[in-house]
PDB file of N, CA and C in Angstrom:
ATOM      1  N   MET A   1       0.844  -1.180   0.000  1.00  0.00           N
ATOM      2  CA  MET A   1       0.000   0.000   0.000  1.00  0.00           C
ATOM      3  C   MET A   1       0.888   1.241   0.000  1.00  0.00           C
ATOM      4  N   SER A   2       0.425   2.297  -0.639  1.00  0.00           N
ATOM      5  CA  SER A   2       1.213   3.508  -0.809  1.00  0.00           C
ATOM      6  C   SER A   2       1.134   4.485   0.352  1.00  0.00           C
ATOM      7  N   GLY A   3       0.242   4.294   1.271  1.00  0.00           N
ATOM      8  CA  GLY A   3       0.093   5.206   2.391  1.00  0.00           C
ATOM      9  C   GLY A   3      -0.895   4.644   3.386  1.00  0.00           C
ATOM     10  N   GLU A   4      -0.964   5.279   4.534  1.00  0.00           N
ATOM     11  CA  GLU A   4      -1.868   4.799   5.572  1.00  0.00           C
ATOM     12  C   GLU A   4      -3.273   5.335   5.347  1.00  0.00           C
ATOM     13  N   LEU A   5      -4.234   4.445   5.355  1.00  0.00           N
ATOM     14  CA  LEU A   5      -5.638   4.836   5.208  1.00  0.00           C
ATOM     15  C   LEU A   5      -6.224   5.182   6.566  1.00  0.00           C
ATOM     16  N   LEU A   6      -6.891   6.311   6.628  1.00  0.00           N
ATOM     17  CA  LEU A   6      -7.608   6.663   7.842  1.00  0.00           C
ATOM     18  C   LEU A   6      -8.915   5.877   7.885  1.00  0.00           C
ATOM     19  N   ASP A   7      -9.456   5.681   9.075  1.00  0.00           N
ATOM     20  CA  ASP A   7     -10.730   4.992   9.222  1.00  0.00           C
ATOM     21  C   ASP A   7     -11.832   5.743   8.492  1.00  0.00           C
ATOM     22  N   CYS A   8     -12.935   5.072   8.235  1.00  0.00           N
ATOM     23  CA  CYS A   8     -14.073   5.682   7.566  1.00  0.00           C
ATOM     24  C   CYS A   8     -14.532   6.908   8.348  1.00  0.00           C
ATOM     25  N   PRO A   9     -14.722   8.039   7.672  1.00  0.00           N
ATOM     26  CA  PRO A   9     -15.122   9.260   8.380  1.00  0.00           C
ATOM     27  C   PRO A   9     -16.567   9.225   8.877  1.00  0.00           C
ATOM     28  N   PHE A  10     -17.338   8.245   8.433  1.00  0.00           N
ATOM     29  CA  PHE A  10     -18.744   8.184   8.809  1.00  0.00           C
ATOM     30  C   PHE A  10     -19.036   7.168   9.904  1.00  0.00           C
ATOM     31  N   CYS A  11     -18.373   6.000   9.852  1.00  0.00           N
ATOM     32  CA  CYS A  11     -18.681   4.968  10.843  1.00  0.00           C
ATOM     33  C   CYS A  11     -17.470   4.516  11.649  1.00  0.00           C
ATOM     34  N   GLY A  12     -16.256   4.900  11.219  1.00  0.00           N
ATOM     35  CA  GLY A  12     -15.049   4.524  11.955  1.00  0.00           C
ATOM     36  C   GLY A  12     -14.486   3.160  11.606  1.00  0.00           C
ATOM     37  N   SER A  13     -15.095   2.451  10.658  1.00  0.00           N
ATOM     38  CA  SER A  13     -14.601   1.130  10.255  1.00  0.00           C
ATOM     39  C   SER A  13     -13.352   1.257   9.394  1.00  0.00           C
ATOM     40  N   GLU A  14     -12.655   0.162   9.243  1.00  0.00           N
ATOM     41  CA  GLU A  14     -11.439   0.127   8.436  1.00  0.00           C
ATOM     42  C   GLU A  14     -11.806   0.068   6.947  1.00  0.00           C
ATOM     43  N   PRO A  15     -11.211   0.918   6.128  1.00  0.00           N
ATOM     44  CA  PRO A  15     -11.462   0.871   4.684  1.00  0.00           C
ATOM     45  C   PRO A  15     -10.484  -0.079   3.992  1.00  0.00           C
ATOM     46  N   PHE A  16     -10.716  -0.315   2.711  1.00  0.00           N
ATOM     47  CA  PHE A  16      -9.800  -1.122   1.915  1.00  0.00           C
ATOM     48  C   PHE A  16      -9.626  -0.483   0.548  1.00  0.00           C
ATOM     49  N   VAL A  17      -8.466  -0.757  -0.060  1.00  0.00           N
ATOM     50  CA  VAL A  17      -8.166  -0.267  -1.405  1.00  0.00           C
ATOM     51  C   VAL A  17      -8.404  -1.418  -2.373  1.00  0.00           C
ATOM     52  N   SER A  18      -9.021  -1.112  -3.507  1.00  0.00           N
ATOM     53  CA  SER A  18      -9.251  -2.122  -4.524  1.00  0.00           C
ATOM     54  C   SER A  18      -8.900  -1.527  -5.878  1.00  0.00           C
ATOM     55  N   GLU A  19      -8.528  -2.397  -6.792  1.00  0.00           N
ATOM     56  CA  GLU A  19      -8.192  -1.945  -8.144  1.00  0.00           C
ATOM     57  C   GLU A  19      -9.208  -2.527  -9.109  1.00  0.00           C
ATOM     58  N   GLY A  20      -9.788  -1.668  -9.926  1.00  0.00           N
ATOM     59  CA  GLY A  20     -10.736  -2.098 -10.950  1.00  0.00           C
ATOM     60  C   GLY A  20     -10.208  -1.690 -12.303  1.00  0.00           C
ATOM     61  N   GLY A  21      -9.679  -2.624 -13.044  1.00  0.00           N
ATOM     62  CA  GLY A  21      -9.048  -2.282 -14.315  1.00  0.00           C
ATOM     63  C   GLY A  21      -7.772  -1.511 -14.040  1.00  0.00           C
ATOM     64  N   GLU A  22      -7.691  -0.305 -14.553  1.00  0.00           N
ATOM     65  CA  GLU A  22      -6.520   0.537 -14.312  1.00  0.00           C
ATOM     66  C   GLU A  22      -6.835   1.663 -13.338  1.00  0.00           C
ATOM     67  N   ARG A  23      -7.955   1.582 -12.636  1.00  0.00           N
ATOM     68  CA  ARG A  23      -8.381   2.625 -11.710  1.00  0.00           C
ATOM     69  C   ARG A  23      -8.436   2.057 -10.297  1.00  0.00           C
ATOM     70  N   PHE A  24      -8.318   2.938  -9.307  1.00  0.00           N
ATOM     71  CA  PHE A  24      -8.347   2.534  -7.912  1.00  0.00           C
ATOM     72  C   PHE A  24      -9.533   3.155  -7.203  1.00  0.00           C
ATOM     73  N   TYR A  25     -10.051   2.443  -6.215  1.00  0.00           N
ATOM     74  CA  TYR A  25     -11.082   3.011  -5.360  1.00  0.00           C
ATOM     75  C   TYR A  25     -10.875   2.523  -3.934  1.00  0.00           C
ATOM     76  N   ILE A  26     -11.511   3.205  -3.020  1.00  0.00           N
ATOM     77  CA  ILE A  26     -11.435   2.865  -1.604  1.00  0.00           C
ATOM     78  C   ILE A  26     -12.860   2.764  -1.086  1.00  0.00           C
ATOM     79  N   ALA A  27     -13.102   1.780  -0.255  1.00  0.00           N
ATOM     80  CA  ALA A  27     -14.440   1.584   0.301  1.00  0.00           C
ATOM     81  C   ALA A  27     -14.342   1.186   1.767  1.00  0.00           C
ATOM     82  N   CYS A  28     -15.371   1.516   2.500  1.00  0.00           N
ATOM     83  CA  CYS A  28     -15.497   1.137   3.899  1.00  0.00           C
ATOM     84  C   CYS A  28     -15.786  -0.358   3.966  1.00  0.00           C
ATOM     85  N   SER A  29     -15.226  -1.033   4.948  1.00  0.00           N
ATOM     86  CA  SER A  29     -15.448  -2.475   5.083  1.00  0.00           C
ATOM     87  C   SER A  29     -16.783  -2.815   5.738  1.00  0.00           C
ATOM     88  N   SER A  30     -17.454  -1.835   6.313  1.00  0.00           N
ATOM     89  CA  SER A  30     -18.743  -2.078   6.964  1.00  0.00           C
ATOM     90  C   SER A  30     -19.860  -2.164   5.933  1.00  0.00           C
ATOM     91  N   LEU A  31     -20.588  -3.261   5.941  1.00  0.00           N
ATOM     92  CA  LEU A  31     -21.708  -3.407   5.012  1.00  0.00           C
ATOM     93  C   LEU A  31     -22.849  -2.463   5.362  1.00  0.00           C
ATOM     94  N   ASP A  32     -22.929  -2.039   6.606  1.00  0.00           N
ATOM     95  CA  ASP A  32     -23.969  -1.093   7.013  1.00  0.00           C
ATOM     96  C   ASP A  32     -23.685   0.316   6.509  1.00  0.00           C
ATOM     97  N   CYS A  33     -22.432   0.645   6.287  1.00  0.00           N
ATOM     98  CA  CYS A  33     -22.035   1.992   5.881  1.00  0.00           C
ATOM     99  C   CYS A  33     -22.024   2.144   4.354  1.00  0.00           C
ATOM    100  N   ALA A  34     -21.282   1.297   3.683  1.00  0.00           N
ATOM    101  CA  ALA A  34     -21.154   1.290   2.227  1.00  0.00           C
ATOM    102  C   ALA A  34     -20.569   2.575   1.645  1.00  0.00           C
ATOM    103  N   CYS A  35     -19.810   3.321   2.420  1.00  0.00           N
ATOM    104  CA  CYS A  35     -19.142   4.525   1.934  1.00  0.00           C
ATOM    105  C   CYS A  35     -18.026   4.112   0.972  1.00  0.00           C
ATOM    106  N   ALA A  36     -17.930   4.777  -0.166  1.00  0.00           N
ATOM    107  CA  ALA A  36     -16.894   4.459  -1.144  1.00  0.00           C
ATOM    108  C   ALA A  36     -16.478   5.718  -1.884  1.00  0.00           C
ATOM    109  N   LEU A  37     -15.276   5.686  -2.427  1.00  0.00           N
ATOM    110  CA  LEU A  37     -14.743   6.808  -3.181  1.00  0.00           C
ATOM    111  C   LEU A  37     -13.975   6.263  -4.376  1.00  0.00           C
ATOM    112  N   GLY A  38     -14.395   6.663  -5.580  1.00  0.00           N
ATOM    113  CA  GLY A  38     -13.668   6.286  -6.778  1.00  0.00           C
ATOM    114  C   GLY A  38     -14.194   5.078  -7.506  1.00  0.00           C
ATOM    115  N   GLU A  39     -15.373   4.591  -7.154  1.00  0.00           N
ATOM    116  CA  GLU A  39     -15.908   3.426  -7.847  1.00  0.00           C
ATOM    117  C   GLU A  39     -16.277   3.771  -9.279  1.00  0.00           C
ATOM    118  N   GLY A  40     -16.423   2.767 -10.108  1.00  0.00           N
ATOM    119  CA  GLY A  40     -16.690   2.954 -11.524  1.00  0.00           C
ATOM    120  C   GLY A  40     -17.892   3.825 -11.829  1.00  0.00           C
ATOM    121  N   TYR A  41     -18.967   3.688 -11.063  1.00  0.00           N
ATOM    122  CA  TYR A  41     -20.142   4.496 -11.370  1.00  0.00           C
ATOM    123  C   TYR A  41     -19.923   5.969 -11.074  1.00  0.00           C
ATOM    124  N   ASP A  42     -18.946   6.297 -10.244  1.00  0.00           N
ATOM    125  CA  ASP A  42     -18.601   7.696  -9.996  1.00  0.00           C
ATOM    126  C   ASP A  42     -17.806   8.280 -11.161  1.00  0.00           C
ATOM    127  N   ALA A  43     -17.014   7.465 -11.814  1.00  0.00           N
ATOM    128  CA  ALA A  43     -16.054   7.952 -12.798  1.00  0.00           C
ATOM    129  C   ALA A  43     -16.705   8.652 -13.980  1.00  0.00           C
ATOM    130  N   CYS A  44     -17.865   8.168 -14.428  1.00  0.00           N
ATOM    131  CA  CYS A  44     -18.473   8.779 -15.607  1.00  0.00           C
ATOM    132  C   CYS A  44     -19.116  10.128 -15.300  1.00  0.00           C
ATOM    133  N   CYS A  45     -19.724  10.276 -14.127  1.00  0.00           N
ATOM    134  CA  CYS A  45     -20.377  11.550 -13.819  1.00  0.00           C
ATOM    135  C   CYS A  45     -19.510  12.452 -12.946  1.00  0.00           C
ATOM    136  N   MET A  46     -18.518  11.893 -12.302  1.00  0.00           N
ATOM    137  CA  MET A  46     -17.607  12.671 -11.442  1.00  0.00           C
ATOM    138  C   MET A  46     -16.180  12.191 -11.696  1.00  0.00           C
ATOM    139  N   PRO A  47     -15.566  12.628 -12.785  1.00  0.00           N
ATOM    140  CA  PRO A  47     -14.233  12.118 -13.113  1.00  0.00           C
ATOM    141  C   PRO A  47     -13.188  12.383 -12.039  1.00  0.00           C
ATOM    142  N   GLU A  48     -13.411  13.375 -11.185  1.00  0.00           N
ATOM    143  CA  GLU A  48     -12.449  13.632 -10.117  1.00  0.00           C
ATOM    144  C   GLU A  48     -12.473  12.528  -9.060  1.00  0.00           C
ATOM    145  N   HIS A  49     -13.453  11.621  -9.139  1.00  0.00           N
ATOM    146  CA  HIS A  49     -13.520  10.503  -8.206  1.00  0.00           C
ATOM    147  C   HIS A  49     -12.908   9.235  -8.778  1.00  0.00           C
ATOM    148  N   SER A  50     -12.234   9.344  -9.902  1.00  0.00           N
ATOM    149  CA  SER A  50     -11.584   8.212 -10.538  1.00  0.00           C
ATOM    150  C   SER A  50     -10.085   8.377 -10.384  1.00  0.00           C
ATOM    151  N   PHE A  51      -9.429   7.390  -9.796  1.00  0.00           N
ATOM    152  CA  PHE A  51      -8.021   7.550  -9.440  1.00  0.00           C
ATOM    153  C   PHE A  51      -7.126   6.614 -10.231  1.00  0.00           C
ATOM    154  N   ALA A  52      -6.082   7.193 -10.844  1.00  0.00           N
ATOM    155  CA  ALA A  52      -5.164   6.437 -11.675  1.00  0.00           C
ATOM    156  C   ALA A  52      -4.129   5.668 -10.864  1.00  0.00           C
ATOM    157  N   ASP A  53      -3.870   6.104  -9.625  1.00  0.00           N
ATOM    158  CA  ASP A  53      -2.929   5.352  -8.805  1.00  0.00           C
ATOM    159  C   ASP A  53      -3.398   5.298  -7.354  1.00  0.00           C
ATOM    160  N   GLU A  54      -2.855   4.332  -6.650  1.00  0.00           N
ATOM    161  CA  GLU A  54      -3.267   4.053  -5.283  1.00  0.00           C
ATOM    162  C   GLU A  54      -3.004   5.230  -4.346  1.00  0.00           C
ATOM    163  N   ALA A  55      -1.857   5.859  -4.492  1.00  0.00           N
ATOM    164  CA  ALA A  55      -1.512   6.991  -3.622  1.00  0.00           C
ATOM    165  C   ALA A  55      -2.501   8.141  -3.779  1.00  0.00           C
ATOM    166  N   GLU A  56      -2.946   8.404  -4.997  1.00  0.00           N
ATOM    167  CA  GLU A  56      -3.917   9.467  -5.256  1.00  0.00           C
ATOM    168  C   GLU A  56      -5.263   9.136  -4.590  1.00  0.00           C
ATOM    169  N   ALA A  57      -5.683   7.884  -4.676  1.00  0.00           N
ATOM    170  CA  ALA A  57      -6.938   7.460  -4.057  1.00  0.00           C
ATOM    171  C   ALA A  57      -6.853   7.587  -2.528  1.00  0.00           C
ATOM    172  N   ILE A  58      -5.755   7.171  -1.943  1.00  0.00           N
ATOM    173  CA  ILE A  58      -5.571   7.260  -0.492  1.00  0.00           C
ATOM    174  C   ILE A  58      -5.577   8.709  -0.037  1.00  0.00           C
ATOM    175  N   ALA A  59      -4.889   9.573  -0.763  1.00  0.00           N
ATOM    176  CA  ALA A  59      -4.850  10.997  -0.398  1.00  0.00           C
ATOM    177  C   ALA A  59      -6.251  11.601  -0.423  1.00  0.00           C
ATOM    178  N   ALA A  60      -7.056  11.249  -1.422  1.00  0.00           N
ATOM    179  CA  ALA A  60      -8.420  11.775  -1.509  1.00  0.00           C
ATOM    180  C   ALA A  60      -9.280  11.246  -0.363  1.00  0.00           C
ATOM    181  N   TRP A  61      -9.179   9.959  -0.064  1.00  0.00           N
ATOM    182  CA  TRP A  61      -9.949   9.372   1.038  1.00  0.00           C
ATOM    183  C   TRP A  61      -9.591  10.043   2.357  1.00  0.00           C
ATOM    184  N   ASN A  62      -8.328  10.252   2.591  1.00  0.00           N
ATOM    185  CA  ASN A  62      -7.873  10.798   3.874  1.00  0.00           C
ATOM    186  C   ASN A  62      -8.245  12.262   4.087  1.00  0.00           C
ATOM    187  N   THR A  63      -8.738  12.938   3.051  1.00  0.00           N
ATOM    188  CA  THR A  63      -9.169  14.326   3.223  1.00  0.00           C
ATOM    189  C   THR A  63     -10.670  14.428   3.457  1.00  0.00           C
ATOM    190  N   ARG A  64     -11.377  13.324   3.440  1.00  0.00           N
ATOM    191  CA  ARG A  64     -12.835  13.343   3.641  1.00  0.00           C
ATOM    192  C   ARG A  64     -13.155  13.671   5.094  1.00  0.00           C
ATOM    193  N   THR A  65     -14.211  14.405   5.272  1.00  0.00           N
ATOM    194  CA  THR A  65     -14.668  14.730   6.620  1.00  0.00           C
ATOM    195  C   THR A  65     -16.112  14.283   6.771  1.00  0.00           C
ATOM    196  N   PRO A  66     -16.490  13.872   7.951  1.00  0.00           N
ATOM    197  CA  PRO A  66     -17.862  13.422   8.142  1.00  0.00           C
ATOM    198  C   PRO A  66     -18.841  14.574   8.079  1.00  0.00           C
ATOM    199  N   THR A  67     -20.046  14.262   7.671  1.00  0.00           N
ATOM    200  CA  THR A  67     -21.099  15.268   7.721  1.00  0.00           C
ATOM    201  C   THR A  67     -21.677  15.246   9.123  1.00  0.00           C
ATOM    202  N   LYS A  68     -22.057  16.386   9.608  1.00  0.00           N
ATOM    203  CA  LYS A  68     -22.616  16.452  10.947  1.00  0.00           C
ATOM    204  C   LYS A  68     -24.098  16.125  10.894  1.00  0.00           C
ATOM    205  N   ALA A  69     -24.501  15.191  11.730  1.00  0.00           N
ATOM    206  CA  ALA A  69     -25.916  14.822  11.809  1.00  0.00           C
ATOM    207  C   ALA A  69     -26.695  15.976  12.433  1.00  0.00           C
ATOM    208  N   PRO A  70     -27.903  16.222  11.958  1.00  0.00           N
ATOM    209  CA  PRO A  70     -28.700  17.300  12.551  1.00  0.00           C
ATOM    210  C   PRO A  70     -29.013  17.022  14.012  1.00  0.00           C
ATOM    211  N   ASP A  71     -29.057  18.065  14.801  1.00  0.00           N
ATOM    212  CA  ASP A  71     -29.358  17.934  16.225  1.00  0.00           C
ATOM    213  C   ASP A  71     -30.866  18.018  16.410  1.00  0.00           C
ATOM    214  N   HIS A  72     -31.447  16.910  16.806  1.00  0.00           N
ATOM    215  CA  HIS A  72     -32.905  16.856  17.011  1.00  0.00           C
ATOM    216  C   HIS A  72     -33.255  16.914  18.495  1.00  0.00           C
ATOM    217  N   GLY A  73     -32.277  17.272  19.309  1.00  0.00           N
ATOM    218  CA  GLY A  73     -32.419  17.148  20.733  1.00  0.00           C
ATOM    219  C   GLY A  73     -33.045  18.201  21.487  1.00  0.00           C
TER     220      GLY A  73
END
């Protein structure tokens, strides 16, 4: 691996790097979360989510921040 992956910004689970063809993506390992960055369906409508190398995909994942849940309290 080209760099250290931070935990999922939404659920805290460990992510994994995968290669699809010549592109890379990262996804959360939690089936309940399903957070992903760079998958094939993103590439056609969001080319900035398609990564040519593993280091680029890791850098993009590690800059993600969680969205704040609304306070209903």
